[in-house]
Amino acid sequence: MTEPRDRAVEPPAATDAPDAHGKFSLSEDWTATLAGLALLGLCLAQVVPDIGGWR
């Protein structure tokens, strides 16, 4: 049997916004996303060669 959820869920602790200190901040997730999109764009533009024949 499960316990009833009678306890209120506490909100997470307050955190500063990434740009709260006056500088723009880019998280590592967004950096990796942008790098992946750039690599995909290079592959679609055929700047990066097809390495399928390199086996």
Foldseek 3Di string as FASTA:
>chain_A
DDDDPPDDDDDDDDDDDCCNVPDHDDDPVVVVVVVVVVVVVCVVVCVPPDCPVVD
